[in-house]
N, C-alpha and C. Protein backbone atom coordinates (compact mmCIF):
# COMPACT_ATOMS: atom_id res chain seq x y z
N UNK A 1 2.38 141.00 52.79
CA UNK A 1 3.24 140.24 54.07
C UNK A 1 3.74 141.66 54.82
N UNK A 2 3.65 142.41 55.90
CA UNK A 2 3.89 142.95 56.99
C UNK A 2 5.14 142.38 57.75
N UNK A 3 6.20 143.52 58.02
CA UNK A 3 6.78 142.67 59.44
C UNK A 3 7.92 143.88 60.00
N UNK A 4 7.41 143.90 60.97
CA UNK A 4 7.81 144.96 61.73
C UNK A 4 8.71 144.63 62.71
N UNK A 5 9.58 146.07 62.93
CA UNK A 5 10.95 145.54 63.68
C UNK A 5 11.66 147.00 64.72
N UNK A 6 11.46 146.63 65.81
CA UNK A 6 10.92 147.66 66.56
C UNK A 6 13.02 147.52 67.40
N UNK A 7 13.35 148.92 67.50
CA UNK A 7 14.94 148.86 68.33
C UNK A 7 14.47 150.39 69.24
N UNK A 8 15.63 150.41 69.89
CA UNK A 8 16.12 151.85 70.64
C UNK A 8 15.51 151.58 71.87
N UNK A 9 14.95 150.55 72.76
CA UNK A 9 14.99 150.27 74.10
C UNK A 9 16.28 149.84 74.85
N UNK A 10 16.27 150.01 75.88
CA UNK A 10 17.10 150.07 76.98
C UNK A 10 16.81 150.40 78.30
N UNK A 11 18.15 150.14 79.21
CA UNK A 11 17.70 150.84 80.53
C UNK A 11 18.07 152.23 80.65
N UNK A 12 17.24 152.75 81.06
CA UNK A 12 17.56 154.14 81.55
C UNK A 12 16.90 155.30 83.10
N UNK A 13 17.68 155.97 83.79
CA UNK A 13 17.49 156.65 84.74
C UNK A 13 15.58 157.30 84.67
N UNK A 14 15.37 157.32 85.56
CA UNK A 14 14.23 158.32 85.62
C UNK A 14 14.29 159.57 85.16
N UNK A 15 13.37 160.11 84.70
CA UNK A 15 13.94 161.50 84.11
C UNK A 15 14.68 161.35 82.99
N UNK A 16 15.04 160.40 81.79
CA UNK A 16 15.77 160.81 81.02
C UNK A 16 15.07 160.53 79.95
N UNK A 17 15.44 160.06 78.65
CA UNK A 17 14.93 160.20 77.44
C UNK A 17 15.21 159.22 76.84
N UNK A 18 14.00 158.53 75.87
CA UNK A 18 14.50 157.09 74.58
C UNK A 18 13.74 157.47 73.83
N UNK A 19 14.31 157.35 72.46
CA UNK A 19 13.18 157.39 71.40
C UNK A 19 13.31 155.86 70.68
N UNK A 20 12.04 155.00 70.69
CA UNK A 20 12.17 153.95 69.83
C UNK A 20 11.59 154.12 68.49
N UNK A 21 12.46 153.27 67.74
CA UNK A 21 11.83 153.12 65.93
C UNK A 21 11.52 151.73 65.83
N UNK A 22 10.72 152.08 64.66
CA UNK A 22 10.00 150.39 64.02
C UNK A 22 9.89 150.71 62.66
N UNK A 23 10.24 150.14 62.21
CA UNK A 23 10.92 150.06 60.90
C UNK A 23 10.09 148.35 60.25
N UNK A 24 8.66 149.30 58.99
CA UNK A 24 8.28 148.35 58.34
C UNK A 24 8.59 147.71 57.03
N UNK A 25 8.55 146.62 56.49
CA UNK A 25 8.88 146.33 55.25
C UNK A 25 7.49 146.07 54.92
N UNK A 26 7.04 146.29 53.45
CA UNK A 26 5.87 146.16 52.71
C UNK A 26 5.65 147.21 51.99
N UNK A 27 4.39 147.13 51.73
CA UNK A 27 4.24 148.48 50.94
C UNK A 27 2.59 149.21 51.52
N UNK A 28 2.43 148.45 52.83
CA UNK A 28 0.98 149.08 53.24
C UNK A 28 1.78 149.68 53.86
N UNK A 29 2.82 150.34 54.26
CA UNK A 29 3.08 151.35 55.52
C UNK A 29 2.08 153.01 55.22
N UNK A 30 2.04 153.35 54.27
CA UNK A 30 1.69 154.44 54.60
C UNK A 30 0.26 154.87 54.16
N UNK A 31 -1.01 153.49 54.44
CA UNK A 31 -2.19 153.10 54.32
C UNK A 31 -2.18 152.90 55.68
N UNK A 32 -1.24 152.55 56.50
CA UNK A 32 -1.33 152.03 58.02
C UNK A 32 -1.96 152.82 58.88
N UNK A 33 -2.29 152.41 59.95
CA UNK A 33 -2.55 153.34 61.09
C UNK A 33 -1.70 152.85 61.65
N UNK A 34 -0.72 153.25 62.75
CA UNK A 34 0.37 152.75 63.22
C UNK A 34 0.14 153.12 64.94
N UNK A 35 0.38 151.91 65.76
CA UNK A 35 0.63 152.22 67.26
C UNK A 35 1.52 151.76 68.21
N UNK A 36 2.03 152.65 69.18
CA UNK A 36 2.61 151.54 69.78
C UNK A 36 1.85 151.37 71.50
N UNK A 37 2.17 149.95 71.42
CA UNK A 37 1.24 148.83 73.23
C UNK A 37 2.86 149.25 73.80
N UNK A 38 2.16 148.80 74.93
CA UNK A 38 3.54 148.38 75.80
C UNK A 38 2.62 147.59 76.85
N UNK A 39 3.39 146.61 77.29
CA UNK A 39 3.04 145.48 78.46
C UNK A 39 4.52 145.21 79.07
N UNK A 40 3.29 145.46 81.04
CA UNK A 40 4.72 144.94 82.10
C UNK A 40 4.07 144.04 82.41
N UNK A 41 5.06 143.37 83.39
CA UNK A 41 5.24 142.00 83.57
C UNK A 41 3.47 142.08 84.58
N UNK A 42 3.04 141.05 84.22
CA UNK A 42 1.88 141.15 85.16
C UNK A 42 0.56 141.47 84.55
N UNK A 43 0.71 142.22 83.85
CA UNK A 43 -0.43 143.27 83.28
C UNK A 43 -0.52 143.16 82.22
N UNK A 44 -2.26 143.78 81.28
CA UNK A 44 -2.18 143.61 79.88
C UNK A 44 -1.55 144.71 79.62
N UNK A 45 -1.44 144.30 77.84
CA UNK A 45 -0.92 145.20 76.81
C UNK A 45 -2.05 146.56 76.77
N UNK A 46 -1.63 147.64 76.74
CA UNK A 46 -2.08 148.81 76.63
C UNK A 46 -1.49 149.99 75.61
N UNK A 47 -2.35 150.69 75.22
CA UNK A 47 -2.01 151.05 74.07
C UNK A 47 -1.23 152.87 74.58
N UNK A 48 -0.21 152.60 73.88
CA UNK A 48 0.53 153.74 74.48
C UNK A 48 0.45 155.09 73.81
N UNK A 49 0.22 155.28 72.36
CA UNK A 49 0.17 155.90 71.00
C UNK A 49 -0.35 155.43 69.90
N UNK A 50 -1.00 156.07 69.27
CA UNK A 50 -1.77 156.11 68.23
C UNK A 50 -0.75 156.92 66.76
N UNK A 51 -1.14 156.92 65.84
CA UNK A 51 -0.89 157.79 64.53
C UNK A 51 -1.85 157.38 63.34
N UNK A 52 -2.75 157.66 62.99
CA UNK A 52 -3.72 157.37 61.53
C UNK A 52 -2.59 157.80 60.30
N UNK A 53 -3.13 157.05 59.13
CA UNK A 53 -2.22 157.00 58.07
C UNK A 53 -2.25 158.82 57.67
N UNK A 54 -3.02 159.58 58.16
CA UNK A 54 -2.81 161.05 57.80
C UNK A 54 -2.58 161.98 59.00
N UNK A 55 -2.15 160.95 60.08
CA UNK A 55 -0.91 161.86 60.46
C UNK A 55 -1.83 162.69 62.06
N UNK A 56 -3.13 161.60 62.11
CA UNK A 56 -3.85 162.21 63.61
C UNK A 56 -3.02 161.07 64.84
N UNK A 57 -3.15 162.19 65.63
CA UNK A 57 -2.30 160.98 67.00
C UNK A 57 -3.69 161.25 68.11
N UNK A 58 -2.62 160.16 68.82
CA UNK A 58 -3.49 159.62 70.45
C UNK A 58 -2.91 159.00 71.07
N UNK A 59 -2.75 159.38 72.61
CA UNK A 59 -2.26 158.75 73.66
C UNK A 59 -2.79 158.38 74.83
N UNK A 60 -2.25 157.38 75.14
CA UNK A 60 -2.93 157.17 76.66
C UNK A 60 -2.76 157.50 77.85
N UNK A 61 -3.29 158.15 78.81
CA UNK A 61 -4.03 159.24 79.47
C UNK A 61 -2.12 159.42 80.16
N UNK A 62 -1.62 158.56 80.55
CA UNK A 62 -0.10 158.74 81.56
C UNK A 62 0.78 158.87 80.78
N UNK A 63 0.44 158.80 79.56
CA UNK A 63 1.73 159.03 78.24
C UNK A 63 1.76 160.53 78.15
N UNK A 64 0.35 161.43 77.65
CA UNK A 64 0.03 162.45 77.48
C UNK A 64 0.84 163.44 77.88
N UNK A 65 1.72 164.16 77.19
CA UNK A 65 2.42 165.31 77.27
C UNK A 65 4.08 164.93 77.39
N UNK A 66 4.29 163.57 77.98
CA UNK A 66 5.46 163.08 77.82
C UNK A 66 5.90 162.14 76.90
N UNK A 67 5.19 161.90 76.12
CA UNK A 67 5.75 161.25 74.12
C UNK A 67 5.15 161.40 73.86
N UNK A 68 5.86 161.10 72.01
CA UNK A 68 5.26 161.66 71.19
C UNK A 68 5.74 160.74 69.61
N UNK A 69 4.20 160.28 69.31
CA UNK A 69 4.57 159.46 68.07
C UNK A 69 4.95 160.17 66.32
N UNK A 70 5.32 159.47 66.04
CA UNK A 70 5.22 160.26 64.58
C UNK A 70 5.86 159.26 63.58
N UNK A 71 5.79 159.62 62.21
CA UNK A 71 6.12 158.95 61.39
C UNK A 71 6.50 159.27 60.23
N UNK A 72 7.57 158.37 59.59
CA UNK A 72 8.31 159.14 58.60
C UNK A 72 7.81 158.15 56.78
N UNK A 73 6.92 157.98 56.33
CA UNK A 73 6.35 157.17 55.10
C UNK A 73 7.51 156.95 54.56
N UNK A 74 8.16 158.09 54.27
CA UNK A 74 9.48 157.23 53.34
C UNK A 74 10.49 156.45 53.77
N UNK A 75 10.52 156.90 55.11
CA UNK A 75 11.66 155.51 55.88
C UNK A 75 10.76 154.49 56.20
N UNK A 76 9.18 154.28 56.01
CA UNK A 76 8.38 153.37 56.68
C UNK A 76 8.75 153.03 57.97
N UNK A 77 8.91 153.96 58.73
CA UNK A 77 9.43 154.11 60.27
C UNK A 77 8.47 154.90 60.83
N UNK A 78 8.46 154.22 61.55
CA UNK A 78 7.06 155.17 63.18
C UNK A 78 7.56 155.28 64.32
N UNK A 79 7.88 156.54 64.96
CA UNK A 79 9.00 156.28 66.25
C UNK A 79 8.00 156.73 67.52
N UNK A 80 8.88 156.88 68.57
CA UNK A 80 7.68 157.23 69.53
C UNK A 80 9.20 157.64 70.66
N UNK A 81 9.34 159.42 70.89
CA UNK A 81 9.80 159.90 71.70
C UNK A 81 9.39 159.92 73.39
N UNK A 82 10.30 159.62 73.86
CA UNK A 82 9.62 159.40 75.81
C UNK A 82 10.65 160.04 76.36
N UNK A 83 9.83 161.16 76.62
CA UNK A 83 10.54 162.13 77.91
C UNK A 83 10.21 161.93 79.09
N UNK A 84 11.00 161.91 80.10
CA UNK A 84 10.91 162.71 81.60
C UNK A 84 10.30 160.87 81.94
N UNK A 85 10.96 159.86 81.61
CA UNK A 85 10.45 158.50 81.90
C UNK A 85 10.21 158.11 83.42
N UNK A 86 9.33 157.53 83.68
CA UNK A 86 9.37 157.00 85.31
C UNK A 86 9.32 155.62 85.28
N UNK A 87 9.20 155.02 86.84
CA UNK A 87 9.49 153.79 86.61
C UNK A 87 8.56 152.85 86.09
N UNK A 88 7.36 153.58 86.43
CA UNK A 88 5.84 152.68 86.05
C UNK A 88 6.35 152.79 84.47
N UNK A 89 7.14 153.30 83.86
CA UNK A 89 6.87 152.89 81.97
C UNK A 89 7.81 152.15 81.32
N UNK A 90 8.33 151.25 83.11
CA UNK A 90 9.04 150.38 82.28
C UNK A 90 8.21 148.90 81.73
N UNK A 91 8.69 148.62 80.51
CA UNK A 91 7.45 147.24 79.75
C UNK A 91 8.07 147.34 78.73
N UNK A 92 7.55 145.72 77.78
CA UNK A 92 7.96 145.54 76.39
C UNK A 92 7.01 146.70 75.90
N UNK A 93 7.80 147.29 74.74
CA UNK A 93 6.66 148.52 73.67
C UNK A 93 6.86 147.80 72.87
N UNK A 94 5.61 147.58 71.99
CA UNK A 94 5.54 146.43 70.52
C UNK A 94 4.90 147.86 69.94
N UNK A 95 4.74 147.60 68.37
CA UNK A 95 4.55 148.12 67.36
C UNK A 95 3.50 147.32 66.99
N UNK A 96 2.44 148.12 66.12
CA UNK A 96 1.45 147.29 66.17
C UNK A 96 0.83 148.44 64.57
N UNK A 97 0.54 147.80 62.98
CA UNK A 97 0.36 148.40 62.18
C UNK A 97 -1.10 147.34 61.62
N UNK A 98 -2.32 148.66 61.45
CA UNK A 98 -3.33 148.06 61.29
C UNK A 98 -3.59 148.63 59.92
N UNK A 99 -4.61 147.92 58.35
CA UNK A 99 -4.91 148.30 57.27
C UNK A 99 -5.54 147.59 57.32
N UNK A 100 -6.95 148.25 55.97
CA UNK A 100 -7.63 147.27 55.19
C UNK A 100 -7.21 148.14 53.51
N UNK A 101 -6.77 147.09 52.77
CA UNK A 101 -6.25 147.19 51.08
C UNK A 101 -6.85 146.21 50.71
N UNK A 102 -7.86 146.61 49.70
CA UNK A 102 -8.23 145.68 48.11
C UNK A 102 -8.65 144.63 49.40
N UNK A 103 -9.82 145.10 50.80
CA UNK A 103 -10.43 144.04 50.92
C UNK A 103 -9.54 143.16 51.87
N UNK A 104 -8.18 143.26 52.15
CA UNK A 104 -7.78 142.33 52.67
C UNK A 104 -7.07 143.40 54.18
N UNK A 105 -7.55 142.41 54.72
CA UNK A 105 -6.99 143.24 56.82
C UNK A 105 -5.55 142.60 56.74
N UNK A 106 -4.97 143.67 57.49
CA UNK A 106 -3.69 143.69 58.27
C UNK A 106 -3.56 144.07 59.21
N UNK A 107 -3.37 143.51 60.48
CA UNK A 107 -3.01 143.47 61.76
C UNK A 107 -1.14 142.74 62.45
N UNK A 108 -0.49 143.83 62.25
CA UNK A 108 0.52 143.21 62.42
C UNK A 108 1.33 143.77 63.56
N UNK A 109 2.06 142.94 64.37
CA UNK A 109 2.94 143.64 65.51
C UNK A 109 4.24 143.14 64.77
N UNK A 110 5.23 144.02 66.03
CA UNK A 110 6.65 143.50 66.06
C UNK A 110 6.69 142.82 67.29
N UNK A 111 8.30 142.30 67.29
CA UNK A 111 8.56 141.56 68.51
C UNK A 111 8.56 141.87 69.84
N UNK A 112 8.62 143.49 69.95
CA UNK A 112 9.06 144.16 71.10
C UNK A 112 10.43 144.64 71.23
N UNK A 113 10.64 145.77 71.79
CA UNK A 113 11.98 145.88 72.80
C UNK A 113 11.69 146.61 74.26
N UNK A 114 12.51 146.18 74.90
CA UNK A 114 12.36 146.42 76.25
C UNK A 114 12.76 147.71 76.85
N UNK A 115 12.34 148.30 77.61
CA UNK A 115 12.69 149.32 77.76
C UNK A 115 12.54 149.72 79.24
N UNK A 116 13.37 149.41 80.29
CA UNK A 116 13.60 149.84 81.58
C UNK A 116 13.85 150.69 82.18
N UNK A 117 13.26 151.28 83.37
CA UNK A 117 13.41 152.72 83.67
C UNK A 117 13.81 152.90 85.53
N UNK A 118 15.10 152.70 85.64
CA UNK A 118 15.74 152.37 87.25
C UNK A 118 16.26 153.17 87.46
N UNK A 119 16.96 153.39 88.44
CA UNK A 119 17.84 154.19 89.33
C UNK A 119 18.64 153.41 90.00
């Protein structure tokens, strides 16, 4: 069983920064591909950034250059550093963990953390 708990969201002005954290329980974290997704009101959930179990990263087009995903396997935590935030970044941000271990598939989601960018 894997549980993910996000934190770090809040209300910020445009141009400011936030760092989201996602703490994982259980023993699969070092083997999991981790990701951040977001969902704005009335829109579909979209991929923000992913980081593989060996540290390879990918970003959504509108986030590249502003957001940085990282992970700390010792702390079982994945981070999303968000710089130069824009109003269109307003959304609920979700953490996701995916892996397959010993023929068992894991696909876990956190409860989400709200990010609001507004002046």
